[in-house]
Amino acid sequence: MHSEAGEYPQLAKSIFYWLNYHSSVSSSDVLLESAVRFPLAEFIERRLQAPVELETQHPDFERLRVDFRYKVKEGIRNIELKFLHDYSDREAEFKRFFDDIVRLALLDGTNYFILCGSQSLYHSKILKEQVVFQGKHIPADGERRPSEQSKFEAILPLDKKGSVVVFNPHSMYGYIGDAKNENKQNRQIPEELQTVHVKLVAKEDTEVEGSQVVYIWRITQQ
């Protein structure tokens, strides 16, 4: 049985080990996002024994596709993958994150957003810029969080496993307009989306002295 508790830690580790191998023999800074799909697709097909559909047409957006789609006994899984780059803190890149999350929330099945790459880029790009937090943050440990957060934390919980962010996509940075314009079915985008921290793999979580990080979040409608 492919439960989330067993499926996604192993999936995250497969990406983590592959990225660390690549960074040890070459420069991960020049790695293409499309190349990171290899360990993910191989894990799904070999370990989960589930055929993978790559770049499938999104049912609600004419010009947009879903990175990974596969079926296990528990149902359909949809995954969007993002690889960290030097430009990951730019507004255009944040918009890509935001659009992926909104599109995932509209899909049937269980939907996941994966972010991976250099741990130093994660700290310098994802956690760097501070803005007033606009979402509702529910920490896994119940501790209060400061009001100033990375803009990515307005849509993704970046702390402990089980943490949740609930946000209104219609109020986020004006990006929702583009999502509406591309929605060929005119399907209503919900007032609240929820992102749940499923798994983080970094060198502290494994026996490998690696320089990479892999985050997985589950995306749902409220």
C-alpha atoms as a PDB file:
ATOM      1  CA  MET A   1       0.000   0.000   0.000  1.00  0.00           C
ATOM      2  CA  HIS A   2       1.453   3.357  -1.019  1.00  0.00           C
ATOM      3  CA  SER A   3       0.529   5.605   1.891  1.00  0.00           C
ATOM      4  CA  GLU A   4       1.808   9.167   2.039  1.00  0.00           C
ATOM      5  CA  ALA A   5       3.825   8.273   5.152  1.00  0.00           C
ATOM      6  CA  GLY A   6       5.801   5.645   3.234  1.00  0.00           C
ATOM      7  CA  GLU A   7       5.658   6.909  -0.326  1.00  0.00           C
ATOM      8  CA  TYR A   8       6.926  10.471  -0.095  1.00  0.00           C
ATOM      9  CA  PRO A   9       9.880  10.175   2.300  1.00  0.00           C
ATOM     10  CA  GLN A  10      11.403   7.603  -0.061  1.00  0.00           C
ATOM     11  CA  LEU A  11      10.559   9.672  -3.113  1.00  0.00           C
ATOM     12  CA  ALA A  12      12.186  12.751  -1.559  1.00  0.00           C
ATOM     13  CA  LYS A  13      15.290  10.785  -0.643  1.00  0.00           C
ATOM     14  CA  SER A  14      15.645   9.454  -4.194  1.00  0.00           C
ATOM     15  CA  ILE A  15      15.814  13.045  -5.464  1.00  0.00           C
ATOM     16  CA  PHE A  16      18.121  14.081  -2.604  1.00  0.00           C
ATOM     17  CA  TYR A  17      20.648  11.302  -3.255  1.00  0.00           C
ATOM     18  CA  TRP A  18      20.602  11.928  -7.020  1.00  0.00           C
ATOM     19  CA  LEU A  19      21.175  15.678  -6.606  1.00  0.00           C
ATOM     20  CA  ASN A  20      24.062  15.111  -4.213  1.00  0.00           C
ATOM     21  CA  TYR A  21      25.656  12.631  -6.583  1.00  0.00           C
ATOM     22  CA  HIS A  22      25.332  15.133  -9.418  1.00  0.00           C
ATOM     23  CA  SER A  23      26.761  17.989  -7.340  1.00  0.00           C
ATOM     24  CA  SER A  24      29.729  15.835  -6.328  1.00  0.00           C
ATOM     25  CA  VAL A  25      30.765  15.119  -9.927  1.00  0.00           C
ATOM     26  CA  SER A  26      29.744  18.360 -11.659  1.00  0.00           C
ATOM     27  CA  SER A  27      28.188  21.762 -11.044  1.00  0.00           C
ATOM     28  CA  SER A  28      24.548  21.549  -9.921  1.00  0.00           C
ATOM     29  CA  ASP A  29      24.237  25.247 -10.783  1.00  0.00           C
ATOM     30  CA  VAL A  30      23.951  24.342 -14.454  1.00  0.00           C
ATOM     31  CA  LEU A  31      21.545  21.451 -13.921  1.00  0.00           C
ATOM     32  CA  LEU A  32      18.291  21.817 -15.840  1.00  0.00           C
ATOM     33  CA  GLU A  33      14.966  21.344 -14.109  1.00  0.00           C
ATOM     34  CA  SER A  34      14.043  18.746 -16.720  1.00  0.00           C
ATOM     35  CA  ALA A  35      17.021  16.608 -15.647  1.00  0.00           C
ATOM     36  CA  VAL A  36      15.729  16.401 -12.066  1.00  0.00           C
ATOM     37  CA  ARG A  37      12.655  14.628 -13.383  1.00  0.00           C
ATOM     38  CA  PHE A  38      14.728  11.505 -14.068  1.00  0.00           C
ATOM     39  CA  PRO A  39      15.138  10.235 -10.479  1.00  0.00           C
ATOM     40  CA  LEU A  40      11.536  11.111  -9.677  1.00  0.00           C
ATOM     41  CA  ALA A  41      10.102   9.258 -12.683  1.00  0.00           C
ATOM     42  CA  GLU A  42      12.409   6.287 -12.120  1.00  0.00           C
ATOM     43  CA  PHE A  43      11.380   5.971  -8.464  1.00  0.00           C
ATOM     44  CA  ILE A  44       7.672   6.079  -9.335  1.00  0.00           C
ATOM     45  CA  GLU A  45       7.960   3.480 -12.089  1.00  0.00           C
ATOM     46  CA  ARG A  46      10.406   1.114 -10.367  1.00  0.00           C
ATOM     47  CA  ARG A  47       9.477   1.339  -6.693  1.00  0.00           C
ATOM     48  CA  LEU A  48       5.771   2.206  -6.924  1.00  0.00           C
ATOM     49  CA  GLN A  49       5.311   0.236 -10.167  1.00  0.00           C
ATOM     50  CA  ALA A  50       3.101   3.004 -11.516  1.00  0.00           C
ATOM     51  CA  PRO A  51       3.401   4.189 -15.141  1.00  0.00           C
ATOM     52  CA  VAL A  52       4.159   7.926 -15.247  1.00  0.00           C
ATOM     53  CA  GLU A  53       2.537  10.423 -17.577  1.00  0.00           C
ATOM     54  CA  LEU A  54       4.813  13.421 -18.202  1.00  0.00           C
ATOM     55  CA  GLU A  55       3.637  16.881 -19.263  1.00  0.00           C
ATOM     56  CA  THR A  56      -0.040  15.940 -19.440  1.00  0.00           C
ATOM     57  CA  GLN A  57      -2.569  18.558 -20.492  1.00  0.00           C
ATOM     58  CA  HIS A  58      -4.171  20.381 -17.564  1.00  0.00           C
ATOM     59  CA  PRO A  59      -7.966  19.978 -17.906  1.00  0.00           C
ATOM     60  CA  ASP A  60      -8.656  23.638 -17.019  1.00  0.00           C
ATOM     61  CA  PHE A  61      -5.765  25.497 -18.650  1.00  0.00           C
ATOM     62  CA  GLU A  62      -5.303  25.286 -22.388  1.00  0.00           C
ATOM     63  CA  ARG A  63      -1.603  26.208 -22.542  1.00  0.00           C
ATOM     64  CA  LEU A  64      -0.431  24.547 -19.339  1.00  0.00           C
ATOM     65  CA  ARG A  65       0.631  21.030 -18.453  1.00  0.00           C
ATOM     66  CA  VAL A  66       1.162  18.913 -15.350  1.00  0.00           C
ATOM     67  CA  ASP A  67       4.746  17.720 -14.758  1.00  0.00           C
ATOM     68  CA  PHE A  68       3.897  14.232 -13.401  1.00  0.00           C
ATOM     69  CA  ARG A  69       0.693  12.242 -13.205  1.00  0.00           C
ATOM     70  CA  TYR A  70       0.414   8.605 -12.100  1.00  0.00           C
ATOM     71  CA  LYS A  71      -2.040   6.240 -10.476  1.00  0.00           C
ATOM     72  CA  VAL A  72      -1.629   3.991  -7.437  1.00  0.00           C
ATOM     73  CA  LYS A  73      -4.278   1.945  -5.601  1.00  0.00           C
ATOM     74  CA  GLU A  74      -5.195   4.940  -3.467  1.00  0.00           C
ATOM     75  CA  GLY A  75      -5.913   7.120  -6.495  1.00  0.00           C
ATOM     76  CA  ILE A  76      -4.392   9.675  -8.860  1.00  0.00           C
ATOM     77  CA  ARG A  77      -1.245  11.636  -7.927  1.00  0.00           C
ATOM     78  CA  ASN A  78      -0.280  14.925  -9.600  1.00  0.00           C
ATOM     79  CA  ILE A  79       3.128  16.549  -9.047  1.00  0.00           C
ATOM     80  CA  GLU A  80       4.677  19.869 -10.007  1.00  0.00           C
ATOM     81  CA  LEU A  81       8.458  20.116  -9.591  1.00  0.00           C
ATOM     82  CA  LYS A  82      10.610  23.228  -9.210  1.00  0.00           C
ATOM     83  CA  PHE A  83      14.429  23.304  -9.124  1.00  0.00           C
ATOM     84  CA  LEU A  84      16.211  26.153  -7.343  1.00  0.00           C
ATOM     85  CA  HIS A  85      18.220  28.602  -9.459  1.00  0.00           C
ATOM     86  CA  ASP A  86      20.113  31.834  -8.897  1.00  0.00           C
ATOM     87  CA  TYR A  87      17.008  33.664 -10.092  1.00  0.00           C
ATOM     88  CA  SER A  88      14.538  31.841  -7.812  1.00  0.00           C
ATOM     89  CA  ASP A  89      13.913  34.989  -5.759  1.00  0.00           C
ATOM     90  CA  ARG A  90      12.716  37.022  -8.759  1.00  0.00           C
ATOM     91  CA  GLU A  91       9.067  37.992  -9.099  1.00  0.00           C
ATOM     92  CA  ALA A  92       8.651  35.974 -12.303  1.00  0.00           C
ATOM     93  CA  GLU A  93       9.884  32.831 -10.557  1.00  0.00           C
ATOM     94  CA  PHE A  94       7.622  33.385  -7.556  1.00  0.00           C
ATOM     95  CA  LYS A  95       4.752  33.687 -10.018  1.00  0.00           C
ATOM     96  CA  ARG A  96       5.664  30.247 -11.418  1.00  0.00           C
ATOM     97  CA  PHE A  97       5.494  28.788  -7.896  1.00  0.00           C
ATOM     98  CA  PHE A  98       2.159  30.478  -7.294  1.00  0.00           C
ATOM     99  CA  ASP A  99       0.663  29.378 -10.622  1.00  0.00           C
ATOM    100  CA  ASP A 100       1.728  25.766 -10.077  1.00  0.00           C
ATOM    101  CA  ILE A 101       0.071  25.668  -6.661  1.00  0.00           C
ATOM    102  CA  VAL A 102      -3.188  27.181  -7.952  1.00  0.00           C
ATOM    103  CA  ARG A 103      -3.300  24.762 -10.887  1.00  0.00           C
ATOM    104  CA  LEU A 104      -2.579  21.775  -8.641  1.00  0.00           C
ATOM    105  CA  ALA A 105      -5.450  22.725  -6.327  1.00  0.00           C
ATOM    106  CA  LEU A 106      -7.903  22.473  -9.235  1.00  0.00           C
ATOM    107  CA  LEU A 107      -6.910  18.919 -10.168  1.00  0.00           C
ATOM    108  CA  ASP A 108      -8.685  15.765  -9.056  1.00  0.00           C
ATOM    109  CA  GLY A 109      -6.578  13.378  -7.033  1.00  0.00           C
ATOM    110  CA  THR A 110      -3.861  14.034  -4.448  1.00  0.00           C
ATOM    111  CA  ASN A 111      -1.574  16.864  -5.480  1.00  0.00           C
ATOM    112  CA  TYR A 112       2.000  17.663  -4.481  1.00  0.00           C
ATOM    113  CA  PHE A 113       4.446  20.503  -5.057  1.00  0.00           C
ATOM    114  CA  ILE A 114       8.169  19.637  -4.854  1.00  0.00           C
ATOM    115  CA  LEU A 115      11.019  22.121  -4.475  1.00  0.00           C
ATOM    116  CA  CYS A 116      14.620  20.907  -4.636  1.00  0.00           C
ATOM    117  CA  GLY A 117      18.165  22.109  -5.182  1.00  0.00           C
ATOM    118  CA  SER A 118      21.085  23.713  -3.390  1.00  0.00           C
ATOM    119  CA  GLN A 119      20.587  24.283   0.331  1.00  0.00           C
ATOM    120  CA  SER A 120      22.584  27.527   0.107  1.00  0.00           C
ATOM    121  CA  LEU A 121      20.256  28.790  -2.648  1.00  0.00           C
ATOM    122  CA  TYR A 122      17.274  27.805  -0.541  1.00  0.00           C
ATOM    123  CA  HIS A 123      18.512  29.961   2.338  1.00  0.00           C
ATOM    124  CA  SER A 124      19.610  32.890   0.167  1.00  0.00           C
ATOM    125  CA  LYS A 125      16.677  32.965  -2.285  1.00  0.00           C
ATOM    126  CA  ILE A 126      13.623  31.443  -0.617  1.00  0.00           C
ATOM    127  CA  LEU A 127      14.142  32.745   2.923  1.00  0.00           C
ATOM    128  CA  LYS A 128      15.810  36.045   2.031  1.00  0.00           C
ATOM    129  CA  GLU A 129      13.077  38.540   1.189  1.00  0.00           C
ATOM    130  CA  GLN A 130      10.788  39.554   4.038  1.00  0.00           C
ATOM    131  CA  VAL A 131       7.201  40.720   3.582  1.00  0.00           C
ATOM    132  CA  VAL A 132       4.131  40.969   5.785  1.00  0.00           C
ATOM    133  CA  PHE A 133       2.713  37.477   6.083  1.00  0.00           C
ATOM    134  CA  GLN A 134      -0.687  37.280   4.367  1.00  0.00           C
ATOM    135  CA  GLY A 135      -1.684  33.668   4.928  1.00  0.00           C
ATOM    136  CA  LYS A 136      -2.899  31.820   7.990  1.00  0.00           C
ATOM    137  CA  HIS A 137       0.034  29.836   9.358  1.00  0.00           C
ATOM    138  CA  ILE A 138      -0.626  26.777  11.533  1.00  0.00           C
ATOM    139  CA  PRO A 139       2.687  25.495  12.952  1.00  0.00           C
ATOM    140  CA  ALA A 140       3.100  21.792  13.667  1.00  0.00           C
ATOM    141  CA  ASP A 141       4.442  22.545  17.145  1.00  0.00           C
ATOM    142  CA  GLY A 142       1.824  25.156  18.016  1.00  0.00           C
ATOM    143  CA  GLU A 143       4.392  27.919  18.540  1.00  0.00           C
ATOM    144  CA  ARG A 144       3.568  31.439  17.381  1.00  0.00           C
ATOM    145  CA  ARG A 145       5.412  32.692  14.350  1.00  0.00           C
ATOM    146  CA  PRO A 146       6.638  36.258  13.735  1.00  0.00           C
ATOM    147  CA  SER A 147       4.540  38.417  11.434  1.00  0.00           C
ATOM    148  CA  GLU A 148       7.419  39.003   8.985  1.00  0.00           C
ATOM    149  CA  GLN A 149       8.010  36.084   6.632  1.00  0.00           C
ATOM    150  CA  SER A 150       9.644  35.224   3.327  1.00  0.00           C
ATOM    151  CA  LYS A 151       7.080  35.834   0.585  1.00  0.00           C
ATOM    152  CA  PHE A 152       7.282  32.117  -0.199  1.00  0.00           C
ATOM    153  CA  GLU A 153       6.100  31.404   3.346  1.00  0.00           C
ATOM    154  CA  ALA A 154       2.887  33.241   2.493  1.00  0.00           C
ATOM    155  CA  ILE A 155       1.989  30.238   0.331  1.00  0.00           C
ATOM    156  CA  LEU A 156       4.228  27.409   1.638  1.00  0.00           C
ATOM    157  CA  PRO A 157       4.978  26.337   5.247  1.00  0.00           C
ATOM    158  CA  LEU A 158       8.759  26.092   5.463  1.00  0.00           C
ATOM    159  CA  ASP A 159       9.164  24.792   9.003  1.00  0.00           C
ATOM    160  CA  LYS A 160       8.301  21.451  10.583  1.00  0.00           C
ATOM    161  CA  LYS A 161       6.473  18.549   8.980  1.00  0.00           C
ATOM    162  CA  GLY A 162       2.737  18.930   9.469  1.00  0.00           C
ATOM    163  CA  SER A 163       2.759  22.723   9.343  1.00  0.00           C
ATOM    164  CA  VAL A 164      -0.012  24.292   7.270  1.00  0.00           C
ATOM    165  CA  VAL A 165      -0.536  27.567   5.403  1.00  0.00           C
ATOM    166  CA  VAL A 166      -4.008  28.654   4.312  1.00  0.00           C
ATOM    167  CA  PHE A 167      -4.134  31.595   1.886  1.00  0.00           C
ATOM    168  CA  ASN A 168      -6.541  33.396  -0.410  1.00  0.00           C
ATOM    169  CA  PRO A 169      -5.081  33.215  -3.951  1.00  0.00           C
ATOM    170  CA  HIS A 170      -7.292  36.092  -5.116  1.00  0.00           C
ATOM    171  CA  SER A 171      -5.433  38.516  -2.847  1.00  0.00           C
ATOM    172  CA  MET A 172      -1.882  37.362  -3.570  1.00  0.00           C
ATOM    173  CA  TYR A 173       0.304  39.839  -5.442  1.00  0.00           C
ATOM    174  CA  GLY A 174      -2.137  40.221  -8.343  1.00  0.00           C
ATOM    175  CA  TYR A 175      -0.998  36.916  -9.869  1.00  0.00           C
ATOM    176  CA  ILE A 176      -4.429  35.338  -9.758  1.00  0.00           C
ATOM    177  CA  GLY A 177      -5.486  37.445 -12.782  1.00  0.00           C
ATOM    178  CA  ASP A 178      -3.205  35.496 -15.097  1.00  0.00           C
ATOM    179  CA  ALA A 179      -4.513  32.201 -13.778  1.00  0.00           C
ATOM    180  CA  LYS A 180      -8.091  33.309 -14.484  1.00  0.00           C
ATOM    181  CA  ASN A 181      -7.265  34.460 -18.017  1.00  0.00           C
ATOM    182  CA  GLU A 182      -5.736  31.099 -18.907  1.00  0.00           C
ATOM    183  CA  ASN A 183      -8.596  29.069 -17.418  1.00  0.00           C
ATOM    184  CA  LYS A 184     -10.356  27.738 -20.507  1.00  0.00           C
ATOM    185  CA  GLN A 185     -13.145  26.066 -18.507  1.00  0.00           C
ATOM    186  CA  ASN A 186     -13.745  29.183 -16.428  1.00  0.00           C
ATOM    187  CA  ARG A 187     -13.622  26.921 -13.399  1.00  0.00           C
ATOM    188  CA  GLN A 188     -13.958  28.870 -10.195  1.00  0.00           C
ATOM    189  CA  ILE A 189     -10.697  29.273  -8.323  1.00  0.00           C
ATOM    190  CA  PRO A 190     -11.437  28.751  -4.609  1.00  0.00           C
ATOM    191  CA  GLU A 191     -11.191  31.537  -2.055  1.00  0.00           C
ATOM    192  CA  GLU A 192      -8.788  29.530   0.102  1.00  0.00           C
ATOM    193  CA  LEU A 193      -6.023  27.067  -0.698  1.00  0.00           C
ATOM    194  CA  GLN A 194      -4.127  24.968   1.820  1.00  0.00           C
ATOM    195  CA  THR A 195      -0.512  23.821   1.596  1.00  0.00           C
ATOM    196  CA  VAL A 196       0.706  21.149   4.018  1.00  0.00           C
ATOM    197  CA  HIS A 197       4.367  20.362   4.708  1.00  0.00           C
ATOM    198  CA  VAL A 198       4.713  16.632   3.976  1.00  0.00           C
ATOM    199  CA  LYS A 199       8.474  16.058   3.893  1.00  0.00           C
ATOM    200  CA  LEU A 200      11.832  17.817   4.084  1.00  0.00           C
ATOM    201  CA  VAL A 201      15.077  16.000   3.311  1.00  0.00           C
ATOM    202  CA  ALA A 202      18.389  17.717   4.023  1.00  0.00           C
ATOM    203  CA  LYS A 203      21.769  16.466   5.208  1.00  0.00           C
ATOM    204  CA  GLU A 204      20.511  16.503   8.817  1.00  0.00           C
ATOM    205  CA  ASP A 205      17.893  13.880   7.910  1.00  0.00           C
ATOM    206  CA  THR A 206      20.213  11.349   6.274  1.00  0.00           C
ATOM    207  CA  GLU A 207      23.616   9.766   6.683  1.00  0.00           C
ATOM    208  CA  VAL A 208      24.798  11.587   3.550  1.00  0.00           C
ATOM    209  CA  GLU A 209      26.811  14.814   3.895  1.00  0.00           C
ATOM    210  CA  GLY A 210      24.978  16.485   1.080  1.00  0.00           C
ATOM    211  CA  SER A 211      24.529  20.086   0.006  1.00  0.00           C
ATOM    212  CA  GLN A 212      20.995  19.693  -1.364  1.00  0.00           C
ATOM    213  CA  VAL A 213      17.468  20.053  -0.018  1.00  0.00           C
ATOM    214  CA  VAL A 214      14.130  18.538  -1.073  1.00  0.00           C
ATOM    215  CA  TYR A 215      10.762  19.844   0.126  1.00  0.00           C
ATOM    216  CA  ILE A 216       7.350  18.276  -0.545  1.00  0.00           C
ATOM    217  CA  TRP A 217       3.981  19.926   0.128  1.00  0.00           C
ATOM    218  CA  ARG A 218       0.434  18.619  -0.367  1.00  0.00           C
ATOM    219  CA  ILE A 219      -1.882  21.135  -2.054  1.00  0.00           C
ATOM    220  CA  THR A 220      -5.625  21.105  -1.342  1.00  0.00           C
ATOM    221  CA  GLN A 221      -8.690  23.323  -1.471  1.00  0.00           C
ATOM    222  CA  GLN A 222     -10.212  24.468   1.811  1.00  0.00           C
END
